[in-house]
Amino acid sequence: MITASQLRAARALLGIDQPTLAQRSTLSLPTIQRMETSDGLIRGNVDSLVKVIRALEDMGVELIGEGSTSSVGGRGVRLREPAARTTLRKQKLGTAQPAKR
């Protein structure tokens, strides 16, 4: 799902600290700290992993899984284009208008 390195990199790209991520994901600070000190893939409560991934995505980070399309391969993170962030956020909230034909 997500590695500790990806989590730290995503936070750095967003310019947020651990307490901010904890608040945005509705998790405790010790949970975020534990996730970030994991080796490799973060293991733990699936609900907590989903919450942190959702929070990062809502803030505009795209997590790139192993084998996913990227210019150099491997795991990583990247920021979405601002327009794509807005569209995705609206779709998640159910406020996006379907394309007119």
PDB file of N, CA and C in Angstrom:
ATOM      1  N   MET A   1       0.822  -1.200   0.000  1.00  0.00           N
ATOM      2  CA  MET A   1       0.000   0.000   0.000  1.00  0.00           C
ATOM      3  C   MET A   1       0.864   1.261   0.000  1.00  0.00           C
ATOM      4  N   ILE A   2       1.598   1.499   1.070  1.00  0.00           N
ATOM      5  CA  ILE A   2       2.423   2.700   1.200  1.00  0.00           C
ATOM      6  C   ILE A   2       3.628   2.359   2.074  1.00  0.00           C
ATOM      7  N   THR A   3       4.757   2.935   1.729  1.00  0.00           N
ATOM      8  CA  THR A   3       5.960   2.709   2.531  1.00  0.00           C
ATOM      9  C   THR A   3       6.193   3.906   3.446  1.00  0.00           C
ATOM     10  N   ALA A   4       7.014   3.686   4.455  1.00  0.00           N
ATOM     11  CA  ALA A   4       7.364   4.768   5.376  1.00  0.00           C
ATOM     12  C   ALA A   4       8.059   5.902   4.624  1.00  0.00           C
ATOM     13  N   SER A   5       8.907   5.548   3.669  1.00  0.00           N
ATOM     14  CA  SER A   5       9.599   6.567   2.866  1.00  0.00           C
ATOM     15  C   SER A   5       8.617   7.398   2.057  1.00  0.00           C
ATOM     16  N   GLN A   6       7.609   6.735   1.470  1.00  0.00           N
ATOM     17  CA  GLN A   6       6.592   7.470   0.722  1.00  0.00           C
ATOM     18  C   GLN A   6       5.835   8.424   1.637  1.00  0.00           C
ATOM     19  N   LEU A   7       5.529   7.970   2.830  1.00  0.00           N
ATOM     20  CA  LEU A   7       4.789   8.802   3.775  1.00  0.00           C
ATOM     21  C   LEU A   7       5.593  10.045   4.142  1.00  0.00           C
ATOM     22  N   ARG A   8       6.867   9.857   4.453  1.00  0.00           N
ATOM     23  CA  ARG A   8       7.725  11.003   4.797  1.00  0.00           C
ATOM     24  C   ARG A   8       7.884  11.948   3.606  1.00  0.00           C
ATOM     25  N   ALA A   9       8.059  11.365   2.401  1.00  0.00           N
ATOM     26  CA  ALA A   9       8.214  12.191   1.205  1.00  0.00           C
ATOM     27  C   ALA A   9       6.943  12.978   0.898  1.00  0.00           C
ATOM     28  N   ALA A  10       5.804  12.339   1.050  1.00  0.00           N
ATOM     29  CA  ALA A  10       4.526  13.013   0.799  1.00  0.00           C
ATOM     30  C   ALA A  10       4.343  14.188   1.755  1.00  0.00           C
ATOM     31  N   ARG A  11       4.681  13.962   3.016  1.00  0.00           N
ATOM     32  CA  ARG A  11       4.574  15.030   4.004  1.00  0.00           C
ATOM     33  C   ARG A  11       5.503  16.185   3.655  1.00  0.00           C
ATOM     34  N   ALA A  12       6.707  15.839   3.211  1.00  0.00           N
ATOM     35  CA  ALA A  12       7.683  16.877   2.834  1.00  0.00           C
ATOM     36  C   ALA A  12       7.195  17.671   1.622  1.00  0.00           C
ATOM     37  N   LEU A  13       6.628  16.987   0.622  1.00  0.00           N
ATOM     38  CA  LEU A  13       6.096  17.686  -0.552  1.00  0.00           C
ATOM     39  C   LEU A  13       4.988  18.665  -0.172  1.00  0.00           C
ATOM     40  N   LEU A  14       4.186  18.264   0.782  1.00  0.00           N
ATOM     41  CA  LEU A  14       3.079  19.126   1.220  1.00  0.00           C
ATOM     42  C   LEU A  14       3.531  20.217   2.182  1.00  0.00           C
ATOM     43  N   GLY A  15       4.721  20.032   2.762  1.00  0.00           N
ATOM     44  CA  GLY A  15       5.217  21.014   3.727  1.00  0.00           C
ATOM     45  C   GLY A  15       4.451  20.975   5.039  1.00  0.00           C
ATOM     46  N   ILE A  16       4.044  19.774   5.445  1.00  0.00           N
ATOM     47  CA  ILE A  16       3.305  19.652   6.703  1.00  0.00           C
ATOM     48  C   ILE A  16       4.095  18.813   7.697  1.00  0.00           C
ATOM     49  N   ASP A  17       3.801  18.986   8.962  1.00  0.00           N
ATOM     50  CA  ASP A  17       4.476  18.212   9.997  1.00  0.00           C
ATOM     51  C   ASP A  17       3.597  17.031  10.419  1.00  0.00           C
ATOM     52  N   GLN A  18       4.156  16.189  11.277  1.00  0.00           N
ATOM     53  CA  GLN A  18       3.420  15.008  11.727  1.00  0.00           C
ATOM     54  C   GLN A  18       2.120  15.356  12.444  1.00  0.00           C
ATOM     55  N   PRO A  19       2.110  16.352  13.349  1.00  0.00           N
ATOM     56  CA  PRO A  19       0.836  16.689  14.002  1.00  0.00           C
ATOM     57  C   PRO A  19      -0.263  17.112  13.018  1.00  0.00           C
ATOM     58  N   THR A  20       0.119  17.825  11.962  1.00  0.00           N
ATOM     59  CA  THR A  20      -0.872  18.238  10.962  1.00  0.00           C
ATOM     60  C   THR A  20      -1.441  17.025  10.235  1.00  0.00           C
ATOM     61  N   LEU A  21      -0.568  16.090   9.857  1.00  0.00           N
ATOM     62  CA  LEU A  21      -1.050  14.874   9.194  1.00  0.00           C
ATOM     63  C   LEU A  21      -1.935  14.065  10.131  1.00  0.00           C
ATOM     64  N   ALA A  22      -1.558  13.988  11.377  1.00  0.00           N
ATOM     65  CA  ALA A  22      -2.375  13.264  12.361  1.00  0.00           C
ATOM     66  C   ALA A  22      -3.774  13.883  12.441  1.00  0.00           C
ATOM     67  N   GLN A  23      -3.821  15.190  12.504  1.00  0.00           N
ATOM     68  CA  GLN A  23      -5.112  15.879  12.593  1.00  0.00           C
ATOM     69  C   GLN A  23      -5.939  15.662  11.323  1.00  0.00           C
ATOM     70  N   ARG A  24      -5.311  15.827  10.148  1.00  0.00           N
ATOM     71  CA  ARG A  24      -6.036  15.698   8.877  1.00  0.00           C
ATOM     72  C   ARG A  24      -6.529  14.274   8.635  1.00  0.00           C
ATOM     73  N   SER A  25      -5.817  13.288   9.188  1.00  0.00           N
ATOM     74  CA  SER A  25      -6.212  11.898   8.986  1.00  0.00           C
ATOM     75  C   SER A  25      -7.012  11.332  10.154  1.00  0.00           C
ATOM     76  N   THR A  26      -7.258  12.152  11.149  1.00  0.00           N
ATOM     77  CA  THR A  26      -7.973  11.763  12.381  1.00  0.00           C
ATOM     78  C   THR A  26      -7.308  10.576  13.074  1.00  0.00           C
ATOM     79  N   LEU A  27      -5.982  10.567  13.046  1.00  0.00           N
ATOM     80  CA  LEU A  27      -5.207   9.551  13.749  1.00  0.00           C
ATOM     81  C   LEU A  27      -4.395  10.233  14.840  1.00  0.00           C
ATOM     82  N   SER A  28      -3.864   9.446  15.759  1.00  0.00           N
ATOM     83  CA  SER A  28      -3.045  10.025  16.820  1.00  0.00           C
ATOM     84  C   SER A  28      -1.629  10.284  16.306  1.00  0.00           C
ATOM     85  N   LEU A  29      -0.948  11.230  16.932  1.00  0.00           N
ATOM     86  CA  LEU A  29       0.438  11.528  16.577  1.00  0.00           C
ATOM     87  C   LEU A  29       1.331  10.296  16.733  1.00  0.00           C
ATOM     88  N   PRO A  30       1.216   9.518  17.833  1.00  0.00           N
ATOM     89  CA  PRO A  30       2.044   8.309  17.931  1.00  0.00           C
ATOM     90  C   PRO A  30       1.812   7.317  16.787  1.00  0.00           C
ATOM     91  N   THR A  31       0.597   7.258  16.258  1.00  0.00           N
ATOM     92  CA  THR A  31       0.321   6.364  15.129  1.00  0.00           C
ATOM     93  C   THR A  31       1.096   6.818  13.896  1.00  0.00           C
ATOM     94  N   ILE A  32       1.070   8.113  13.613  1.00  0.00           N
ATOM     95  CA  ILE A  32       1.817   8.657  12.470  1.00  0.00           C
ATOM     96  C   ILE A  32       3.312   8.416  12.671  1.00  0.00           C
ATOM     97  N   GLN A  33       3.799   8.661  13.870  1.00  0.00           N
ATOM     98  CA  GLN A  33       5.219   8.461  14.160  1.00  0.00           C
ATOM     99  C   GLN A  33       5.609   6.998  13.964  1.00  0.00           C
ATOM    100  N   ARG A  34       4.781   6.085  14.411  1.00  0.00           N
ATOM    101  CA  ARG A  34       5.032   4.661  14.242  1.00  0.00           C
ATOM    102  C   ARG A  34       5.066   4.282  12.757  1.00  0.00           C
ATOM    103  N   MET A  35       4.129   4.810  11.998  1.00  0.00           N
ATOM    104  CA  MET A  35       4.088   4.533  10.564  1.00  0.00           C
ATOM    105  C   MET A  35       5.371   4.996   9.881  1.00  0.00           C
ATOM    106  N   GLU A  36       5.841   6.170  10.247  1.00  0.00           N
ATOM    107  CA  GLU A  36       7.009   6.741   9.588  1.00  0.00           C
ATOM    108  C   GLU A  36       8.317   6.063   9.979  1.00  0.00           C
ATOM    109  N   THR A  37       8.328   5.319  11.061  1.00  0.00           N
ATOM    110  CA  THR A  37       9.550   4.627  11.462  1.00  0.00           C
ATOM    111  C   THR A  37       9.530   3.152  11.069  1.00  0.00           C
ATOM    112  N   SER A  38       8.490   2.746  10.335  1.00  0.00           N
ATOM    113  CA  SER A  38       8.396   1.360   9.862  1.00  0.00           C
ATOM    114  C   SER A  38       9.511   1.085   8.862  1.00  0.00           C
ATOM    115  N   ASP A  39       9.809  -0.201   8.690  1.00  0.00           N
ATOM    116  CA  ASP A  39      10.730  -0.640   7.647  1.00  0.00           C
ATOM    117  C   ASP A  39       9.919  -1.061   6.440  1.00  0.00           C
ATOM    118  N   GLY A  40      10.172  -0.466   5.301  1.00  0.00           N
ATOM    119  CA  GLY A  40       9.469  -0.870   4.083  1.00  0.00           C
ATOM    120  C   GLY A  40       7.995  -0.534   4.128  1.00  0.00           C
ATOM    121  N   LEU A  41       7.169  -1.483   3.674  1.00  0.00           N
ATOM    122  CA  LEU A  41       5.720  -1.269   3.678  1.00  0.00           C
ATOM    123  C   LEU A  41       5.215  -1.075   5.099  1.00  0.00           C
ATOM    124  N   ILE A  42       4.326  -0.119   5.271  1.00  0.00           N
ATOM    125  CA  ILE A  42       3.736   0.116   6.587  1.00  0.00           C
ATOM    126  C   ILE A  42       2.716  -0.981   6.846  1.00  0.00           C
ATOM    127  N   ARG A  43       2.857  -1.622   7.966  1.00  0.00           N
ATOM    128  CA  ARG A  43       1.913  -2.669   8.356  1.00  0.00           C
ATOM    129  C   ARG A  43       1.117  -2.140   9.544  1.00  0.00           C
ATOM    130  N   GLY A  44      -0.094  -2.629   9.665  1.00  0.00           N
ATOM    131  CA  GLY A  44      -0.909  -2.195  10.790  1.00  0.00           C
ATOM    132  C   GLY A  44      -2.373  -2.217  10.450  1.00  0.00           C
ATOM    133  N   ASN A  45      -3.119  -1.472  11.192  1.00  0.00           N
ATOM    134  CA  ASN A  45      -4.559  -1.391  11.051  1.00  0.00           C
ATOM    135  C   ASN A  45      -4.907  -0.842   9.665  1.00  0.00           C
ATOM    136  N   VAL A  46      -5.663  -1.588   8.891  1.00  0.00           N
ATOM    137  CA  VAL A  46      -6.028  -1.181   7.535  1.00  0.00           C
ATOM    138  C   VAL A  46      -6.806   0.128   7.557  1.00  0.00           C
ATOM    139  N   ASP A  47      -7.681   0.304   8.523  1.00  0.00           N
ATOM    140  CA  ASP A  47      -8.462   1.535   8.625  1.00  0.00           C
ATOM    141  C   ASP A  47      -7.537   2.739   8.790  1.00  0.00           C
ATOM    142  N   SER A  48      -6.502   2.603   9.594  1.00  0.00           N
ATOM    143  CA  SER A  48      -5.550   3.701   9.803  1.00  0.00           C
ATOM    144  C   SER A  48      -4.779   4.003   8.520  1.00  0.00           C
ATOM    145  N   LEU A  49      -4.377   2.960   7.804  1.00  0.00           N
ATOM    146  CA  LEU A  49      -3.665   3.158   6.540  1.00  0.00           C
ATOM    147  C   LEU A  49      -4.548   3.881   5.525  1.00  0.00           C
ATOM    148  N   VAL A  50      -5.797   3.467   5.449  1.00  0.00           N
ATOM    149  CA  VAL A  50      -6.733   4.102   4.519  1.00  0.00           C
ATOM    150  C   VAL A  50      -6.924   5.570   4.892  1.00  0.00           C
ATOM    151  N   LYS A  51      -7.028   5.872   6.174  1.00  0.00           N
ATOM    152  CA  LYS A  51      -7.217   7.261   6.617  1.00  0.00           C
ATOM    153  C   LYS A  51      -6.036   8.139   6.232  1.00  0.00           C
ATOM    154  N   VAL A  52      -4.821   7.633   6.419  1.00  0.00           N
ATOM    155  CA  VAL A  52      -3.653   8.450   6.110  1.00  0.00           C
ATOM    156  C   VAL A  52      -3.506   8.621   4.598  1.00  0.00           C
ATOM    157  N   ILE A  53      -3.776   7.572   3.837  1.00  0.00           N
ATOM    158  CA  ILE A  53      -3.701   7.677   2.377  1.00  0.00           C
ATOM    159  C   ILE A  53      -4.751   8.648   1.860  1.00  0.00           C
ATOM    160  N   ARG A  54      -5.963   8.550   2.373  1.00  0.00           N
ATOM    161  CA  ARG A  54      -7.038   9.452   1.953  1.00  0.00           C
ATOM    162  C   ARG A  54      -6.684  10.908   2.280  1.00  0.00           C
ATOM    163  N   ALA A  55      -6.135  11.140   3.453  1.00  0.00           N
ATOM    164  CA  ALA A  55      -5.756  12.505   3.838  1.00  0.00           C
ATOM    165  C   ALA A  55      -4.693  13.054   2.890  1.00  0.00           C
ATOM    166  N   LEU A  56      -3.694  12.238   2.571  1.00  0.00           N
ATOM    167  CA  LEU A  56      -2.641  12.681   1.655  1.00  0.00           C
ATOM    168  C   LEU A  56      -3.208  12.969   0.272  1.00  0.00           C
ATOM    169  N   GLU A  57      -4.068  12.098  -0.219  1.00  0.00           N
ATOM    170  CA  GLU A  57      -4.682  12.310  -1.530  1.00  0.00           C
ATOM    171  C   GLU A  57      -5.554  13.559  -1.537  1.00  0.00           C
ATOM    172  N   ASP A  58      -6.290  13.781  -0.474  1.00  0.00           N
ATOM    173  CA  ASP A  58      -7.133  14.969  -0.379  1.00  0.00           C
ATOM    174  C   ASP A  58      -6.305  16.253  -0.383  1.00  0.00           C
ATOM    175  N   MET A  59      -5.064  16.162   0.089  1.00  0.00           N
ATOM    176  CA  MET A  59      -4.180  17.330   0.102  1.00  0.00           C
ATOM    177  C   MET A  59      -3.387  17.455  -1.198  1.00  0.00           C
ATOM    178  N   GLY A  60      -3.571  16.515  -2.136  1.00  0.00           N
ATOM    179  CA  GLY A  60      -2.978  16.655  -3.459  1.00  0.00           C
ATOM    180  C   GLY A  60      -1.807  15.760  -3.787  1.00  0.00           C
ATOM    181  N   VAL A  61      -1.524  14.762  -2.985  1.00  0.00           N
ATOM    182  CA  VAL A  61      -0.413  13.861  -3.257  1.00  0.00           C
ATOM    183  C   VAL A  61      -0.912  12.637  -4.002  1.00  0.00           C
ATOM    184  N   GLU A  62      -0.173  12.232  -5.011  1.00  0.00           N
ATOM    185  CA  GLU A  62      -0.467  10.990  -5.711  1.00  0.00           C
ATOM    186  C   GLU A  62       0.581   9.966  -5.297  1.00  0.00           C
ATOM    187  N   LEU A  63       0.152   8.880  -4.709  1.00  0.00           N
ATOM    188  CA  LEU A  63       1.060   7.808  -4.309  1.00  0.00           C
ATOM    189  C   LEU A  63       1.235   6.862  -5.487  1.00  0.00           C
ATOM    190  N   ILE A  64       2.467   6.554  -5.802  1.00  0.00           N
ATOM    191  CA  ILE A  64       2.765   5.707  -6.952  1.00  0.00           C
ATOM    192  C   ILE A  64       3.202   4.350  -6.446  1.00  0.00           C
ATOM    193  N   GLY A  65       2.421   3.336  -6.736  1.00  0.00           N
ATOM    194  CA  GLY A  65       2.732   1.988  -6.291  1.00  0.00           C
ATOM    195  C   GLY A  65       3.754   1.311  -7.192  1.00  0.00           C
ATOM    196  N   GLU A  66       4.315   0.236  -6.704  1.00  0.00           N
ATOM    197  CA  GLU A  66       5.266  -0.549  -7.476  1.00  0.00           C
ATOM    198  C   GLU A  66       4.617  -0.984  -8.784  1.00  0.00           C
ATOM    199  N   GLY A  67       5.294  -0.737  -9.884  1.00  0.00           N
ATOM    200  CA  GLY A  67       4.776  -1.124 -11.191  1.00  0.00           C
ATOM    201  C   GLY A  67       3.822  -0.126 -11.816  1.00  0.00           C
ATOM    202  N   SER A  68       3.465   0.926 -11.075  1.00  0.00           N
ATOM    203  CA  SER A  68       2.591   1.951 -11.643  1.00  0.00           C
ATOM    204  C   SER A  68       3.382   2.818 -12.616  1.00  0.00           C
ATOM    205  N   THR A  69       2.678   3.435 -13.533  1.00  0.00           N
ATOM    206  CA  THR A  69       3.319   4.270 -14.525  1.00  0.00           C
ATOM    207  C   THR A  69       3.987   5.478 -13.876  1.00  0.00           C
ATOM    208  N   SER A  70       5.256   5.648 -14.188  1.00  0.00           N
ATOM    209  CA  SER A  70       6.010   6.834 -13.791  1.00  0.00           C
ATOM    210  C   SER A  70       7.168   6.962 -14.757  1.00  0.00           C
ATOM    211  N   SER A  71       7.809   8.113 -14.790  1.00  0.00           N
ATOM    212  CA  SER A  71       8.856   8.333 -15.780  1.00  0.00           C
ATOM    213  C   SER A  71      10.118   7.518 -15.515  1.00  0.00           C
ATOM    214  N   VAL A  72      10.391   7.166 -14.251  1.00  0.00           N
ATOM    215  CA  VAL A  72      11.619   6.425 -13.940  1.00  0.00           C
ATOM    216  C   VAL A  72      11.359   5.094 -13.249  1.00  0.00           C
ATOM    217  N   GLY A  73      10.120   4.729 -13.007  1.00  0.00           N
ATOM    218  CA  GLY A  73       9.791   3.455 -12.374  1.00  0.00           C
ATOM    219  C   GLY A  73       9.991   3.493 -10.876  1.00  0.00           C
ATOM    220  N   GLY A  74       9.646   2.398 -10.217  1.00  0.00           N
ATOM    221  CA  GLY A  74       9.785   2.317  -8.768  1.00  0.00           C
ATOM    222  C   GLY A  74       8.677   3.023  -8.026  1.00  0.00           C
ATOM    223  N   ARG A  75       8.813   3.032  -6.729  1.00  0.00           N
ATOM    224  CA  ARG A  75       7.828   3.693  -5.880  1.00  0.00           C
ATOM    225  C   ARG A  75       8.138   5.177  -5.790  1.00  0.00           C
ATOM    226  N   GLY A  76       7.159   5.950  -5.391  1.00  0.00           N
ATOM    227  CA  GLY A  76       7.383   7.378  -5.222  1.00  0.00           C
ATOM    228  C   GLY A  76       6.098   8.103  -4.917  1.00  0.00           C
ATOM    229  N   VAL A  77       6.169   9.403  -4.927  1.00  0.00           N
ATOM    230  CA  VAL A  77       5.009  10.265  -4.757  1.00  0.00           C
ATOM    231  C   VAL A  77       5.135  11.399  -5.757  1.00  0.00           C
ATOM    232  N   ARG A  78       4.010  11.944  -6.130  1.00  0.00           N
ATOM    233  CA  ARG A  78       4.048  13.139  -6.965  1.00  0.00           C
ATOM    234  C   ARG A  78       2.808  13.958  -6.675  1.00  0.00           C
ATOM    235  N   LEU A  79       2.924  15.245  -6.883  1.00  0.00           N
ATOM    236  CA  LEU A  79       1.785  16.126  -6.710  1.00  0.00           C
ATOM    237  C   LEU A  79       0.950  16.104  -7.973  1.00  0.00           C
ATOM    238  N   ARG A  80      -0.349  16.110  -7.801  1.00  0.00           N
ATOM    239  CA  ARG A  80      -1.250  16.207  -8.946  1.00  0.00           C
ATOM    240  C   ARG A  80      -1.255  17.649  -9.430  1.00  0.00           C
ATOM    241  N   GLU A  81      -1.646  17.839 -10.674  1.00  0.00           N
ATOM    242  CA  GLU A  81      -1.843  19.182 -11.197  1.00  0.00           C
ATOM    243  C   GLU A  81      -2.993  19.837 -10.426  1.00  0.00           C
ATOM    244  N   PRO A  82      -2.930  21.143 -10.168  1.00  0.00           N
ATOM    245  CA  PRO A  82      -3.993  21.800  -9.401  1.00  0.00           C
ATOM    246  C   PRO A  82      -5.398  21.555  -9.951  1.00  0.00           C
ATOM    247  N   ALA A  83      -5.566  21.579 -11.265  1.00  0.00           N
ATOM    248  CA  ALA A  83      -6.898  21.348 -11.845  1.00  0.00           C
ATOM    249  C   ALA A  83      -7.378  19.932 -11.548  1.00  0.00           C
ATOM    250  N   ALA A  84      -6.470  18.965 -11.599  1.00  0.00           N
ATOM    251  CA  ALA A  84      -6.841  17.576 -11.311  1.00  0.00           C
ATOM    252  C   ALA A  84      -7.217  17.415  -9.850  1.00  0.00           C
ATOM    253  N   ARG A  85      -6.539  18.140  -8.959  1.00  0.00           N
ATOM    254  CA  ARG A  85      -6.881  18.079  -7.531  1.00  0.00           C
ATOM    255  C   ARG A  85      -8.306  18.556  -7.310  1.00  0.00           C
ATOM    256  N   THR A  86      -8.654  19.685  -7.930  1.00  0.00           N
ATOM    257  CA  THR A  86      -9.987  20.261  -7.758  1.00  0.00           C
ATOM    258  C   THR A  86     -11.052  19.324  -8.308  1.00  0.00           C
ATOM    259  N   THR A  87     -10.819  18.782  -9.494  1.00  0.00           N
ATOM    260  CA  THR A  87     -11.781  17.867 -10.107  1.00  0.00           C
ATOM    261  C   THR A  87     -11.976  16.629  -9.250  1.00  0.00           C
ATOM    262  N   LEU A  88     -10.869  16.035  -8.791  1.00  0.00           N
ATOM    263  CA  LEU A  88     -10.955  14.831  -7.972  1.00  0.00           C
ATOM    264  C   LEU A  88     -11.681  15.121  -6.665  1.00  0.00           C
ATOM    265  N   ARG A  89     -11.375  16.250  -6.038  1.00  0.00           N
ATOM    266  CA  ARG A  89     -12.028  16.615  -4.777  1.00  0.00           C
ATOM    267  C   ARG A  89     -13.523  16.751  -4.993  1.00  0.00           C
ATOM    268  N   LYS A  90     -13.929  17.396  -6.076  1.00  0.00           N
ATOM    269  CA  LYS A  90     -15.360  17.566  -6.368  1.00  0.00           C
ATOM    270  C   LYS A  90     -16.025  16.219  -6.623  1.00  0.00           C
ATOM    271  N   GLN A  91     -15.333  15.331  -7.331  1.00  0.00           N
ATOM    272  CA  GLN A  91     -15.889  14.006  -7.595  1.00  0.00           C
ATOM    273  C   GLN A  91     -16.101  13.249  -6.296  1.00  0.00           C
ATOM    274  N   LYS A  92     -15.128  13.340  -5.388  1.00  0.00           N
ATOM    275  CA  LYS A  92     -15.245  12.640  -4.110  1.00  0.00           C
ATOM    276  C   LYS A  92     -16.387  13.202  -3.277  1.00  0.00           C
ATOM    277  N   LEU A  93     -16.609  14.509  -3.387  1.00  0.00           N
ATOM    278  CA  LEU A  93     -17.675  15.151  -2.613  1.00  0.00           C
ATOM    279  C   LEU A  93     -19.025  15.055  -3.313  1.00  0.00           C
ATOM    280  N   GLY A  94     -19.014  14.577  -4.566  1.00  0.00           N
ATOM    281  CA  GLY A  94     -20.260  14.443  -5.308  1.00  0.00           C
ATOM    282  C   GLY A  94     -20.789  15.739  -5.859  1.00  0.00           C
ATOM    283  N   THR A  95     -19.896  16.738  -6.024  1.00  0.00           N
ATOM    284  CA  THR A  95     -20.343  18.031  -6.539  1.00  0.00           C
ATOM    285  C   THR A  95     -19.898  18.273  -7.967  1.00  0.00           C
ATOM    286  N   ALA A  96     -19.185  17.322  -8.563  1.00  0.00           N
ATOM    287  CA  ALA A  96     -18.726  17.492  -9.941  1.00  0.00           C
ATOM    288  C   ALA A  96     -19.882  17.308 -10.898  1.00  0.00           C
ATOM    289  N   GLN A  97     -19.929  18.133 -11.903  1.00  0.00           N
ATOM    290  CA  GLN A  97     -20.955  18.035 -12.929  1.00  0.00           C
ATOM    291  C   GLN A  97     -20.474  17.094 -14.024  1.00  0.00           C
ATOM    292  N   PRO A  98     -21.309  16.198 -14.502  1.00  0.00           N
ATOM    293  CA  PRO A  98     -20.896  15.325 -15.601  1.00  0.00           C
ATOM    294  C   PRO A  98     -20.617  16.152 -16.852  1.00  0.00           C
ATOM    295  N   ALA A  99     -19.709  15.685 -17.672  1.00  0.00           N
ATOM    296  CA  ALA A  99     -19.369  16.382 -18.905  1.00  0.00           C
ATOM    297  C   ALA A  99     -20.585  16.433 -19.827  1.00  0.00           C
ATOM    298  N   LYS A 100     -20.821  17.616 -20.426  1.00  0.00           N
ATOM    299  CA  LYS A 100     -21.943  17.779 -21.347  1.00  0.00           C
ATOM    300  C   LYS A 100     -21.512  17.330 -22.724  1.00  0.00           C
ATOM    301  N   ARG A 101     -22.429  16.701 -23.442  1.00  0.00           N
ATOM    302  CA  ARG A 101     -22.116  16.226 -24.798  1.00  0.00           C
ATOM    303  C   ARG A 101     -22.937  16.942 -25.795  1.00  0.00           C
TER     304      ARG A 101
END
